Each structure stands twice: as C-alpha cells, then as structure tokens.
C-alpha cells in the first residue's frame, strides 16, 4: 500500500469523556501508521476552549485554519459528515490512507478492517481484547496536567479504591436538559442506583457526581464511612457546546475536578453507571467492567 496520509486530527469538542476516547483512538492510529497527531478544539461554537486544553500536557493543538494555506487533501471522518453521507462506521480505510494527506475525526475511530460495532465499553473490553488492550495503553499515556496528577496521587495515598465500587451518577448536563423538557428517568433516579448496588452487595463506594443532593442521599443510605468522593470545589454544569457557567477560574476548577474524578473512577474494582463517555473512558483506562443501572 502506498501511504499518502501524514496527519490525524482529533476534533471532538463535547464533554471530557468524549474527548478522551477520541484522543485515545486517534493516538493509536497515529502510532500504527507513523502519523503526526494533532488536536483541534478551535471551534467558534465552543467558548473557553483554552481551559480544556490546560487539562493536558504534551498535546499538539492547532487552529481551525491550520491546513487552509497548505496544498493538502483533507478527509473529514466526522459525525456530521457521516450522517450526511449515510455512513455509520468511523474507519480509516486503505482508500483514505492512500488518497488523503490529513484525516480529521471527532469519534472513536478505528483502522482498516476493524469495524465500529458499538460503544467502547461493550465492544472494546468485551468483544475485542487486543483492540481494548491497545486503546487502554494509549489512553493511559495521555498526560493530565501536574495539578491533576498530584491530586490523584494524594487521594490514592489516603484511600484504597481497589476495594470500592465506582459509581457515576450523571447530573450536570442532565439537570440542564431536564429544564428543557428531558425526562430525568432516562438517566435514572438515585433509588435505581441503590437497587443495583444492593444487588451486587457493594460495601464501599467511590461516588462521582455533580449533584450535591446525590451525595447526601448516598451518605444517608450507606453511611459516611462507606462513601468516598473527591471534594469538588466548584459545581459548574459541564455543557461545553454552550458557554460553561461561572468565571474562567471556576470553570477551570470544575474541569480539573472532573478529570480527577475520572482518573479515580478508573482505580475502582468496577463501575456502576448509566451510559456515558465519561464512565467508558474511565473503564477503558482501568480495564474495568461496567454495570449498567436498569
């Protein structure tokens, strides 16, 4: 095969979990094909994008018009373009490798004959162990900033999360959407999490949530000595497609805390959740089983 492809660009701009999965899959392809890996979060619809960039070390960021003045053929393997073309799979095919200089993607992207058979937790960790191992190695090489690394080390010195069931109760963007008419039951009530945890006989819990009331309910149910959580400083509602609420300092604190939560979640024995990229990224990093709340 005559390889023309030189660059792969990660361009996902929604929440932290989606960005992590997009970064992991594009880094993996870059490594396998010897490509230069770039990240473009420079979209007008995503204010405060620089704050997301500060979560990481060692990524190469570019602006939206980076390839504008270069004589390069760009292939957009994105959700928007795929919907328009009626494509379902996000695969860098031989044809793309041979005929384009750049591929831009905002999804979990695979290579060649690998097929995108579903969400990463069920597909990668359940059906394709080698692919899962590859992605796990890559996502663990993505380096958070020094503050995040320090906070995670400090928490793990005090608490053994290997004996805890991780729980992610999604509330930040959900609470915003409930105001816009989305049914909260789609994201499960706290009592349904309790039923699931009681069913697996969970004794100690690491709780990850943006909901202040959720923490109170878990402590009332299981006791303060059995519920661990990272003490978040801010409660900014993460909805990056619009402006994040609060000052830049508050937003930066909130996103740092979210990344810390994600890394700590990956240190647990298993994760109880309702579907989200956030928990799938944590499960991939830790090689963990995901238990979905019914």
C-alpha atoms as a PDB file:
ATOM      1  CA  UNK A   1       0.000   0.000   0.000  1.00  0.00           C
ATOM      2  CA  UNK A   2       1.302   3.465  -0.941  1.00  0.00           C
ATOM      3  CA  UNK A   3       0.656   5.629   2.129  1.00  0.00           C
ATOM      4  CA  UNK A   4      -0.066   9.294   1.479  1.00  0.00           C
ATOM      5  CA  UNK A   5      -1.617  10.049   4.877  1.00  0.00           C
ATOM      6  CA  UNK A   6       0.608  12.207   7.110  1.00  0.00           C
ATOM      7  CA  UNK A   7      -1.648  13.704   9.806  1.00  0.00           C
ATOM      8  CA  UNK A   8      -4.543  12.658  12.003  1.00  0.00           C
ATOM      9  CA  UNK A   9      -6.521  15.334  13.857  1.00  0.00           C
ATOM     10  CA  UNK A  10      -8.658  14.703  16.976  1.00  0.00           C
ATOM     11  CA  UNK A  11     -11.513  17.205  16.846  1.00  0.00           C
ATOM     12  CA  UNK A  12     -14.161  16.159  19.388  1.00  0.00           C
ATOM     13  CA  UNK A  13     -15.476  19.146  21.321  1.00  0.00           C
ATOM     14  CA  UNK A  14     -18.174  17.925  23.694  1.00  0.00           C
ATOM     15  CA  UNK A  15     -17.507  16.626  27.219  1.00  0.00           C
ATOM     16  CA  UNK A  16     -14.306  15.292  28.768  1.00  0.00           C
ATOM     17  CA  UNK A  17     -15.144  11.593  28.252  1.00  0.00           C
ATOM     18  CA  UNK A  18     -15.820  12.014  24.536  1.00  0.00           C
ATOM     19  CA  UNK A  19     -12.568  13.930  24.091  1.00  0.00           C
ATOM     20  CA  UNK A  20     -10.587  11.252  25.917  1.00  0.00           C
ATOM     21  CA  UNK A  21     -11.996   8.447  23.745  1.00  0.00           C
ATOM     22  CA  UNK A  22     -11.371  10.465  20.586  1.00  0.00           C
ATOM     23  CA  UNK A  23      -7.788  11.194  21.696  1.00  0.00           C
ATOM     24  CA  UNK A  24      -7.116   7.543  22.545  1.00  0.00           C
ATOM     25  CA  UNK A  25      -8.336   6.211  19.195  1.00  0.00           C
ATOM     26  CA  UNK A  26      -6.521   8.843  17.115  1.00  0.00           C
ATOM     27  CA  UNK A  27      -3.263   8.419  19.045  1.00  0.00           C
ATOM     28  CA  UNK A  28      -3.490   4.674  18.445  1.00  0.00           C
ATOM     29  CA  UNK A  29      -3.859   5.153  14.686  1.00  0.00           C
ATOM     30  CA  UNK A  30      -1.060   7.748  14.639  1.00  0.00           C
ATOM     31  CA  UNK A  31       1.229   5.261  16.362  1.00  0.00           C
ATOM     32  CA  UNK A  32       0.371   2.409  13.995  1.00  0.00           C
ATOM     33  CA  UNK A  33       0.734   4.451  10.786  1.00  0.00           C
ATOM     34  CA  UNK A  34       3.536   6.800  11.857  1.00  0.00           C
ATOM     35  CA  UNK A  35       1.333   9.915  11.568  1.00  0.00           C
ATOM     36  CA  UNK A  36       1.694  13.295  13.206  1.00  0.00           C
ATOM     37  CA  UNK A  37      -1.050  13.618  15.846  1.00  0.00           C
ATOM     38  CA  UNK A  38      -2.780  16.983  16.201  1.00  0.00           C
ATOM     39  CA  UNK A  39      -5.726  18.287  18.224  1.00  0.00           C
ATOM     40  CA  UNK A  40      -8.195  20.923  17.007  1.00  0.00           C
ATOM     41  CA  UNK A  41     -10.669  22.252  19.565  1.00  0.00           C
ATOM     42  CA  UNK A  42     -10.721  25.676  17.900  1.00  0.00           C
ATOM     43  CA  UNK A  43     -14.414  25.944  17.028  1.00  0.00           C
ATOM     44  CA  UNK A  44     -16.408  29.205  17.314  1.00  0.00           C
ATOM     45  CA  UNK A  45     -19.309  27.343  18.967  1.00  0.00           C
ATOM     46  CA  UNK A  46     -17.081  26.222  21.872  1.00  0.00           C
ATOM     47  CA  UNK A  47     -16.101  29.203  24.052  1.00  0.00           C
ATOM     48  CA  UNK A  48     -13.488  28.785  26.806  1.00  0.00           C
ATOM     49  CA  UNK A  49     -11.813  26.067  24.732  1.00  0.00           C
ATOM     50  CA  UNK A  50      -8.390  27.072  26.052  1.00  0.00           C
ATOM     51  CA  UNK A  51      -9.452  25.875  29.521  1.00  0.00           C
ATOM     52  CA  UNK A  52      -9.960  22.332  28.196  1.00  0.00           C
ATOM     53  CA  UNK A  53      -6.502  22.459  26.615  1.00  0.00           C
ATOM     54  CA  UNK A  54      -4.976  23.285  30.016  1.00  0.00           C
ATOM     55  CA  UNK A  55      -6.156  19.922  31.389  1.00  0.00           C
ATOM     56  CA  UNK A  56      -3.453  18.136  29.388  1.00  0.00           C
ATOM     57  CA  UNK A  57       0.284  18.116  28.835  1.00  0.00           C
ATOM     58  CA  UNK A  58       2.064  17.052  25.657  1.00  0.00           C
ATOM     59  CA  UNK A  59      -0.754  17.555  23.124  1.00  0.00           C
ATOM     60  CA  UNK A  60      -0.145  19.476  19.884  1.00  0.00           C
ATOM     61  CA  UNK A  61      -3.001  21.950  19.369  1.00  0.00           C
ATOM     62  CA  UNK A  62      -3.809  23.633  16.060  1.00  0.00           C
ATOM     63  CA  UNK A  63      -6.249  26.316  14.938  1.00  0.00           C
ATOM     64  CA  UNK A  64      -9.198  25.650  12.658  1.00  0.00           C
ATOM     65  CA  UNK A  65      -7.485  27.098   9.557  1.00  0.00           C
ATOM     66  CA  UNK A  66      -4.175  25.276  10.154  1.00  0.00           C
ATOM     67  CA  UNK A  67      -4.363  23.395   6.841  1.00  0.00           C
ATOM     68  CA  UNK A  68      -6.050  26.254   4.963  1.00  0.00           C
ATOM     69  CA  UNK A  69      -2.970  27.564   3.131  1.00  0.00           C
ATOM     70  CA  UNK A  70      -1.367  24.169   2.608  1.00  0.00           C
ATOM     71  CA  UNK A  71      -1.801  22.106  -0.541  1.00  0.00           C
ATOM     72  CA  UNK A  72      -3.187  19.094   1.310  1.00  0.00           C
ATOM     73  CA  UNK A  73      -6.190  16.844   0.786  1.00  0.00           C
ATOM     74  CA  UNK A  74      -8.270  16.617   3.985  1.00  0.00           C
ATOM     75  CA  UNK A  75     -10.779  13.833   4.726  1.00  0.00           C
ATOM     76  CA  UNK A  76     -13.419  14.600   7.385  1.00  0.00           C
ATOM     77  CA  UNK A  77     -14.388  11.395   9.199  1.00  0.00           C
ATOM     78  CA  UNK A  78     -16.811  13.204  11.492  1.00  0.00           C
ATOM     79  CA  UNK A  79     -20.285  12.569  12.852  1.00  0.00           C
ATOM     80  CA  UNK A  80     -21.763  15.431  10.825  1.00  0.00           C
ATOM     81  CA  UNK A  81     -20.190  14.302   7.536  1.00  0.00           C
ATOM     82  CA  UNK A  82     -21.059  10.655   8.193  1.00  0.00           C
ATOM     83  CA  UNK A  83     -24.726  11.484   8.812  1.00  0.00           C
ATOM     84  CA  UNK A  84     -24.813  13.496   5.612  1.00  0.00           C
ATOM     85  CA  UNK A  85     -23.235  10.652   3.612  1.00  0.00           C
ATOM     86  CA  UNK A  86     -25.298   7.922   5.302  1.00  0.00           C
ATOM     87  CA  UNK A  87     -22.165   6.264   6.723  1.00  0.00           C
ATOM     88  CA  UNK A  88     -22.224   4.516  10.095  1.00  0.00           C
ATOM     89  CA  UNK A  89     -18.617   3.409  10.596  1.00  0.00           C
ATOM     90  CA  UNK A  90     -15.673   5.565  11.621  1.00  0.00           C
ATOM     91  CA  UNK A  91     -12.816   3.663   9.992  1.00  0.00           C
ATOM     92  CA  UNK A  92      -9.608   4.963   8.419  1.00  0.00           C
ATOM     93  CA  UNK A  93      -9.701   2.798   5.312  1.00  0.00           C
ATOM     94  CA  UNK A  94      -6.925   1.947   2.860  1.00  0.00           C
ATOM     95  CA  UNK A  95      -8.538   4.369   0.420  1.00  0.00           C
ATOM     96  CA  UNK A  96      -8.197   7.251   2.914  1.00  0.00           C
ATOM     97  CA  UNK A  97      -4.601   6.266   3.708  1.00  0.00           C
ATOM     98  CA  UNK A  98      -3.650   6.186   0.006  1.00  0.00           C
ATOM     99  CA  UNK A  99      -5.533   9.275  -1.261  1.00  0.00           C
ATOM    100  CA  UNK A 100      -5.533  11.893   1.509  1.00  0.00           C
ATOM    101  CA  UNK A 101      -2.885  13.814   3.462  1.00  0.00           C
ATOM    102  CA  UNK A 102      -4.997  14.548   6.549  1.00  0.00           C
ATOM    103  CA  UNK A 103      -7.869  12.799   8.326  1.00  0.00           C
ATOM    104  CA  UNK A 104      -9.961  14.757  10.844  1.00  0.00           C
ATOM    105  CA  UNK A 105     -12.231  12.791  13.174  1.00  0.00           C
ATOM    106  CA  UNK A 106     -14.418  13.516  16.204  1.00  0.00           C
ATOM    107  CA  UNK A 107     -15.292   9.920  17.117  1.00  0.00           C
ATOM    108  CA  UNK A 108     -13.894   6.610  18.337  1.00  0.00           C
ATOM    109  CA  UNK A 109     -12.033   5.889  15.118  1.00  0.00           C
ATOM    110  CA  UNK A 110     -10.659   2.515  14.027  1.00  0.00           C
ATOM    111  CA  UNK A 111      -8.374   1.196  11.316  1.00  0.00           C
ATOM    112  CA  UNK A 112      -8.796  -0.808   8.150  1.00  0.00           C
ATOM    113  CA  UNK A 113     -10.859  -3.958   8.607  1.00  0.00           C
ATOM    114  CA  UNK A 114     -11.701  -3.171  12.237  1.00  0.00           C
ATOM    115  CA  UNK A 115     -15.379  -2.317  12.451  1.00  0.00           C
ATOM    116  CA  UNK A 116     -17.089   0.107  14.798  1.00  0.00           C
ATOM    117  CA  UNK A 117     -19.571  -2.327  16.339  1.00  0.00           C
ATOM    118  CA  UNK A 118     -20.903  -0.223  19.166  1.00  0.00           C
ATOM    119  CA  UNK A 119     -19.912   1.697  22.248  1.00  0.00           C
ATOM    120  CA  UNK A 120     -16.411   1.294  23.517  1.00  0.00           C
ATOM    121  CA  UNK A 121     -17.183  -0.495  26.791  1.00  0.00           C
ATOM    122  CA  UNK A 122     -19.056  -3.416  25.246  1.00  0.00           C
ATOM    123  CA  UNK A 123     -17.074  -3.610  22.043  1.00  0.00           C
ATOM    124  CA  UNK A 124     -13.519  -2.997  23.119  1.00  0.00           C
ATOM    125  CA  UNK A 125     -13.451  -4.527  26.577  1.00  0.00           C
ATOM    126  CA  UNK A 126     -15.938  -7.313  25.805  1.00  0.00           C
ATOM    127  CA  UNK A 127     -15.503  -8.459  22.212  1.00  0.00           C
ATOM    128  CA  UNK A 128     -12.039  -7.431  21.043  1.00  0.00           C
ATOM    129  CA  UNK A 129      -9.446  -7.866  23.780  1.00  0.00           C
ATOM    130  CA  UNK A 130      -6.422  -6.910  21.642  1.00  0.00           C
ATOM    131  CA  UNK A 131      -8.029  -3.685  20.484  1.00  0.00           C
ATOM    132  CA  UNK A 132      -9.057  -2.978  24.072  1.00  0.00           C
ATOM    133  CA  UNK A 133      -5.500  -3.510  25.290  1.00  0.00           C
ATOM    134  CA  UNK A 134      -4.154  -1.207  22.570  1.00  0.00           C
ATOM    135  CA  UNK A 135      -6.583   1.572  23.451  1.00  0.00           C
ATOM    136  CA  UNK A 136      -6.041   1.104  27.160  1.00  0.00           C
ATOM    137  CA  UNK A 137      -2.285   1.519  26.717  1.00  0.00           C
ATOM    138  CA  UNK A 138      -2.815   4.679  24.665  1.00  0.00           C
ATOM    139  CA  UNK A 139      -5.388   6.317  26.955  1.00  0.00           C
ATOM    140  CA  UNK A 140      -3.049   5.751  29.897  1.00  0.00           C
ATOM    141  CA  UNK A 141      -0.300   7.582  28.009  1.00  0.00           C
ATOM    142  CA  UNK A 142      -2.433  10.751  27.699  1.00  0.00           C
ATOM    143  CA  UNK A 143      -0.947  13.001  30.359  1.00  0.00           C
ATOM    144  CA  UNK A 144      -3.090  15.193  32.639  1.00  0.00           C
ATOM    145  CA  UNK A 145      -1.600  18.412  33.984  1.00  0.00           C
ATOM    146  CA  UNK A 146       0.666  18.318  37.048  1.00  0.00           C
ATOM    147  CA  UNK A 147      -2.042  19.569  39.461  1.00  0.00           C
ATOM    148  CA  UNK A 148      -4.407  16.752  38.462  1.00  0.00           C
ATOM    149  CA  UNK A 149      -1.668  14.122  38.782  1.00  0.00           C
ATOM    150  CA  UNK A 150      -0.722  15.432  42.226  1.00  0.00           C
ATOM    151  CA  UNK A 151      -4.317  15.412  43.478  1.00  0.00           C
ATOM    152  CA  UNK A 152      -4.899  11.844  42.259  1.00  0.00           C
ATOM    153  CA  UNK A 153      -1.696  10.588  43.918  1.00  0.00           C
ATOM    154  CA  UNK A 154      -2.628  12.322  47.173  1.00  0.00           C
ATOM    155  CA  UNK A 155      -6.132  10.837  47.234  1.00  0.00           C
ATOM    156  CA  UNK A 156      -4.886   7.318  46.461  1.00  0.00           C
ATOM    157  CA  UNK A 157      -2.336   7.503  49.285  1.00  0.00           C
ATOM    158  CA  UNK A 158      -5.218   8.007  51.718  1.00  0.00           C
ATOM    159  CA  UNK A 159      -7.820   5.695  50.174  1.00  0.00           C
ATOM    160  CA  UNK A 160      -7.661   2.211  48.635  1.00  0.00           C
ATOM    161  CA  UNK A 161     -10.149   2.400  45.776  1.00  0.00           C
ATOM    162  CA  UNK A 162      -9.475  -1.171  44.647  1.00  0.00           C
ATOM    163  CA  UNK A 163     -11.925  -2.212  47.379  1.00  0.00           C
ATOM    164  CA  UNK A 164     -14.567   0.271  46.200  1.00  0.00           C
ATOM    165  CA  UNK A 165     -17.291   0.094  43.582  1.00  0.00           C
ATOM    166  CA  UNK A 166     -17.132   3.232  41.478  1.00  0.00           C
ATOM    167  CA  UNK A 167     -20.459   4.954  40.844  1.00  0.00           C
ATOM    168  CA  UNK A 168     -21.121   7.732  38.343  1.00  0.00           C
ATOM    169  CA  UNK A 169     -24.467   9.480  38.804  1.00  0.00           C
ATOM    170  CA  UNK A 170     -24.713  11.830  35.868  1.00  0.00           C
ATOM    171  CA  UNK A 171     -26.341  15.106  36.827  1.00  0.00           C
ATOM    172  CA  UNK A 172     -24.511  18.177  35.412  1.00  0.00           C
ATOM    173  CA  UNK A 173     -25.664  18.409  31.804  1.00  0.00           C
ATOM    174  CA  UNK A 174     -28.698  16.271  32.730  1.00  0.00           C
ATOM    175  CA  UNK A 175     -30.090  18.873  35.133  1.00  0.00           C
ATOM    176  CA  UNK A 176     -29.719  21.491  32.411  1.00  0.00           C
ATOM    177  CA  UNK A 177     -31.568  19.260  29.944  1.00  0.00           C
ATOM    178  CA  UNK A 178     -34.377  18.454  32.425  1.00  0.00           C
ATOM    179  CA  UNK A 179     -35.207  22.167  32.422  1.00  0.00           C
ATOM    180  CA  UNK A 180     -35.560  21.845  28.651  1.00  0.00           C
ATOM    181  CA  UNK A 181     -38.068  19.005  28.945  1.00  0.00           C
ATOM    182  CA  UNK A 182     -35.821  15.884  29.011  1.00  0.00           C
ATOM    183  CA  UNK A 183     -37.149  13.173  31.341  1.00  0.00           C
ATOM    184  CA  UNK A 184     -34.789  12.579  34.278  1.00  0.00           C
ATOM    185  CA  UNK A 185     -35.849   8.915  34.363  1.00  0.00           C
ATOM    186  CA  UNK A 186     -33.773   8.434  31.214  1.00  0.00           C
ATOM    187  CA  UNK A 187     -30.729   8.995  33.426  1.00  0.00           C
ATOM    188  CA  UNK A 188     -32.118   7.026  36.417  1.00  0.00           C
ATOM    189  CA  UNK A 189     -33.211   8.075  39.857  1.00  0.00           C
ATOM    190  CA  UNK A 190     -30.905   7.565  42.835  1.00  0.00           C
ATOM    191  CA  UNK A 191     -33.079   4.702  44.132  1.00  0.00           C
ATOM    192  CA  UNK A 192     -32.307   2.711  40.979  1.00  0.00           C
ATOM    193  CA  UNK A 193     -28.591   3.061  41.689  1.00  0.00           C
ATOM    194  CA  UNK A 194     -29.240   1.824  45.232  1.00  0.00           C
ATOM    195  CA  UNK A 195     -31.058  -1.254  43.883  1.00  0.00           C
ATOM    196  CA  UNK A 196     -28.162  -2.014  41.554  1.00  0.00           C
ATOM    197  CA  UNK A 197     -25.536  -1.569  44.278  1.00  0.00           C
ATOM    198  CA  UNK A 198     -27.502  -3.689  46.741  1.00  0.00           C
ATOM    199  CA  UNK A 199     -27.819  -6.362  44.046  1.00  0.00           C
ATOM    200  CA  UNK A 200     -24.025  -6.662  43.759  1.00  0.00           C
ATOM    201  CA  UNK A 201     -23.596  -6.291  47.548  1.00  0.00           C
ATOM    202  CA  UNK A 202     -21.427  -3.215  47.331  1.00  0.00           C
ATOM    203  CA  UNK A 203     -19.968  -2.279  50.705  1.00  0.00           C
ATOM    204  CA  UNK A 204     -17.729   0.709  49.945  1.00  0.00           C
ATOM    205  CA  UNK A 205     -18.446   3.224  47.212  1.00  0.00           C
ATOM    206  CA  UNK A 206     -16.465   5.863  45.377  1.00  0.00           C
ATOM    207  CA  UNK A 207     -19.102   8.322  44.189  1.00  0.00           C
ATOM    208  CA  UNK A 208     -18.619  10.592  41.219  1.00  0.00           C
ATOM    209  CA  UNK A 209     -21.417  13.102  40.596  1.00  0.00           C
ATOM    210  CA  UNK A 210     -22.112  16.790  40.072  1.00  0.00           C
ATOM    211  CA  UNK A 211     -25.263  16.519  42.166  1.00  0.00           C
ATOM    212  CA  UNK A 212     -24.905  17.861  45.708  1.00  0.00           C
ATOM    213  CA  UNK A 213     -28.151  16.210  46.794  1.00  0.00           C
ATOM    214  CA  UNK A 214     -26.993  12.876  45.368  1.00  0.00           C
ATOM    215  CA  UNK A 215     -24.022  12.834  47.749  1.00  0.00           C
ATOM    216  CA  UNK A 216     -26.297  13.466  50.721  1.00  0.00           C
ATOM    217  CA  UNK A 217     -28.615  10.635  49.699  1.00  0.00           C
ATOM    218  CA  UNK A 218     -25.741   8.167  49.278  1.00  0.00           C
ATOM    219  CA  UNK A 219     -24.323   9.056  52.702  1.00  0.00           C
ATOM    220  CA  UNK A 220     -27.753   8.649  54.316  1.00  0.00           C
ATOM    221  CA  UNK A 221     -28.139   5.242  52.678  1.00  0.00           C
ATOM    222  CA  UNK A 222     -24.647   3.733  53.162  1.00  0.00           C
ATOM    223  CA  UNK A 223     -23.085   5.834  55.946  1.00  0.00           C
ATOM    224  CA  UNK A 224     -20.396   8.487  55.726  1.00  0.00           C
ATOM    225  CA  UNK A 225     -17.632   5.923  56.396  1.00  0.00           C
ATOM    226  CA  UNK A 226     -18.616   3.894  53.310  1.00  0.00           C
ATOM    227  CA  UNK A 227     -18.992   6.651  50.717  1.00  0.00           C
ATOM    228  CA  UNK A 228     -15.841   8.257  49.325  1.00  0.00           C
ATOM    229  CA  UNK A 229     -15.739  11.156  46.899  1.00  0.00           C
ATOM    230  CA  UNK A 230     -13.246  13.750  45.754  1.00  0.00           C
ATOM    231  CA  UNK A 231     -14.181  17.098  47.357  1.00  0.00           C
ATOM    232  CA  UNK A 232     -15.048  19.154  44.277  1.00  0.00           C
ATOM    233  CA  UNK A 233     -14.517  22.884  44.691  1.00  0.00           C
ATOM    234  CA  UNK A 234     -16.996  24.084  42.063  1.00  0.00           C
ATOM    235  CA  UNK A 235     -20.312  22.822  40.734  1.00  0.00           C
ATOM    236  CA  UNK A 236     -20.194  24.129  37.176  1.00  0.00           C
ATOM    237  CA  UNK A 237     -22.604  22.383  34.836  1.00  0.00           C
ATOM    238  CA  UNK A 238     -20.497  20.905  32.057  1.00  0.00           C
ATOM    239  CA  UNK A 239     -22.217  21.646  28.777  1.00  0.00           C
ATOM    240  CA  UNK A 240     -19.346  22.709  26.519  1.00  0.00           C
ATOM    241  CA  UNK A 241     -21.364  23.298  23.375  1.00  0.00           C
ATOM    242  CA  UNK A 242     -22.573  26.491  25.053  1.00  0.00           C
ATOM    243  CA  UNK A 243     -20.611  28.693  27.422  1.00  0.00           C
ATOM    244  CA  UNK A 244     -19.798  26.984  30.711  1.00  0.00           C
ATOM    245  CA  UNK A 245     -21.397  28.811  33.619  1.00  0.00           C
ATOM    246  CA  UNK A 246     -19.220  30.721  36.051  1.00  0.00           C
ATOM    247  CA  UNK A 247     -15.929  32.615  35.826  1.00  0.00           C
ATOM    248  CA  UNK A 248     -12.958  31.198  33.957  1.00  0.00           C
ATOM    249  CA  UNK A 249     -11.364  30.286  37.300  1.00  0.00           C
ATOM    250  CA  UNK A 250     -14.465  28.378  38.417  1.00  0.00           C
ATOM    251  CA  UNK A 251     -14.707  26.580  35.082  1.00  0.00           C
ATOM    252  CA  UNK A 252     -11.040  25.588  35.239  1.00  0.00           C
ATOM    253  CA  UNK A 253     -11.518  24.260  38.788  1.00  0.00           C
ATOM    254  CA  UNK A 254     -14.593  22.311  37.728  1.00  0.00           C
ATOM    255  CA  UNK A 255     -12.901  20.680  34.724  1.00  0.00           C
ATOM    256  CA  UNK A 256      -9.800  19.811  36.746  1.00  0.00           C
ATOM    257  CA  UNK A 257     -12.075  18.183  39.336  1.00  0.00           C
ATOM    258  CA  UNK A 258     -13.938  16.258  36.626  1.00  0.00           C
ATOM    259  CA  UNK A 259     -10.671  14.845  35.260  1.00  0.00           C
ATOM    260  CA  UNK A 260      -9.566  13.908  38.791  1.00  0.00           C
ATOM    261  CA  UNK A 261     -12.892  12.119  39.316  1.00  0.00           C
ATOM    262  CA  UNK A 262     -12.442  10.257  36.035  1.00  0.00           C
ATOM    263  CA  UNK A 263      -8.950   9.071  36.952  1.00  0.00           C
ATOM    264  CA  UNK A 264     -10.060   7.997  40.433  1.00  0.00           C
ATOM    265  CA  UNK A 265     -13.054   6.166  38.973  1.00  0.00           C
ATOM    266  CA  UNK A 266     -10.620   4.119  36.863  1.00  0.00           C
ATOM    267  CA  UNK A 267      -8.908   2.913  40.067  1.00  0.00           C
ATOM    268  CA  UNK A 268     -12.046   1.205  41.435  1.00  0.00           C
ATOM    269  CA  UNK A 269     -12.900  -2.504  41.190  1.00  0.00           C
ATOM    270  CA  UNK A 270     -15.837  -1.927  38.788  1.00  0.00           C
ATOM    271  CA  UNK A 271     -18.135   0.927  37.761  1.00  0.00           C
ATOM    272  CA  UNK A 272     -21.905   1.274  38.129  1.00  0.00           C
ATOM    273  CA  UNK A 273     -23.304   3.818  35.693  1.00  0.00           C
ATOM    274  CA  UNK A 274     -25.858   4.979  33.186  1.00  0.00           C
ATOM    275  CA  UNK A 275     -24.391   5.213  29.692  1.00  0.00           C
ATOM    276  CA  UNK A 276     -21.834   7.992  29.232  1.00  0.00           C
ATOM    277  CA  UNK A 277     -18.499   8.561  27.528  1.00  0.00           C
ATOM    278  CA  UNK A 278     -17.165   9.723  30.901  1.00  0.00           C
ATOM    279  CA  UNK A 279     -17.550   6.289  32.502  1.00  0.00           C
ATOM    280  CA  UNK A 280     -16.467   4.444  29.363  1.00  0.00           C
ATOM    281  CA  UNK A 281     -13.201   6.394  29.300  1.00  0.00           C
ATOM    282  CA  UNK A 282     -12.610   5.540  32.973  1.00  0.00           C
ATOM    283  CA  UNK A 283     -13.446   1.864  32.390  1.00  0.00           C
ATOM    284  CA  UNK A 284     -11.097   1.719  29.416  1.00  0.00           C
ATOM    285  CA  UNK A 285      -8.253   3.301  31.398  1.00  0.00           C
ATOM    286  CA  UNK A 286      -8.666   0.873  34.287  1.00  0.00           C
ATOM    287  CA  UNK A 287      -9.682  -2.207  32.288  1.00  0.00           C
ATOM    288  CA  UNK A 288     -12.864  -2.383  34.368  1.00  0.00           C
ATOM    289  CA  UNK A 289     -16.288  -3.987  34.000  1.00  0.00           C
ATOM    290  CA  UNK A 290     -19.208  -1.612  33.612  1.00  0.00           C
ATOM    291  CA  UNK A 291     -22.523  -2.429  35.302  1.00  0.00           C
ATOM    292  CA  UNK A 292     -25.427  -0.516  33.802  1.00  0.00           C
ATOM    293  CA  UNK A 293     -28.307   0.600  36.021  1.00  0.00           C
ATOM    294  CA  UNK A 294     -31.632  -0.750  34.739  1.00  0.00           C
END
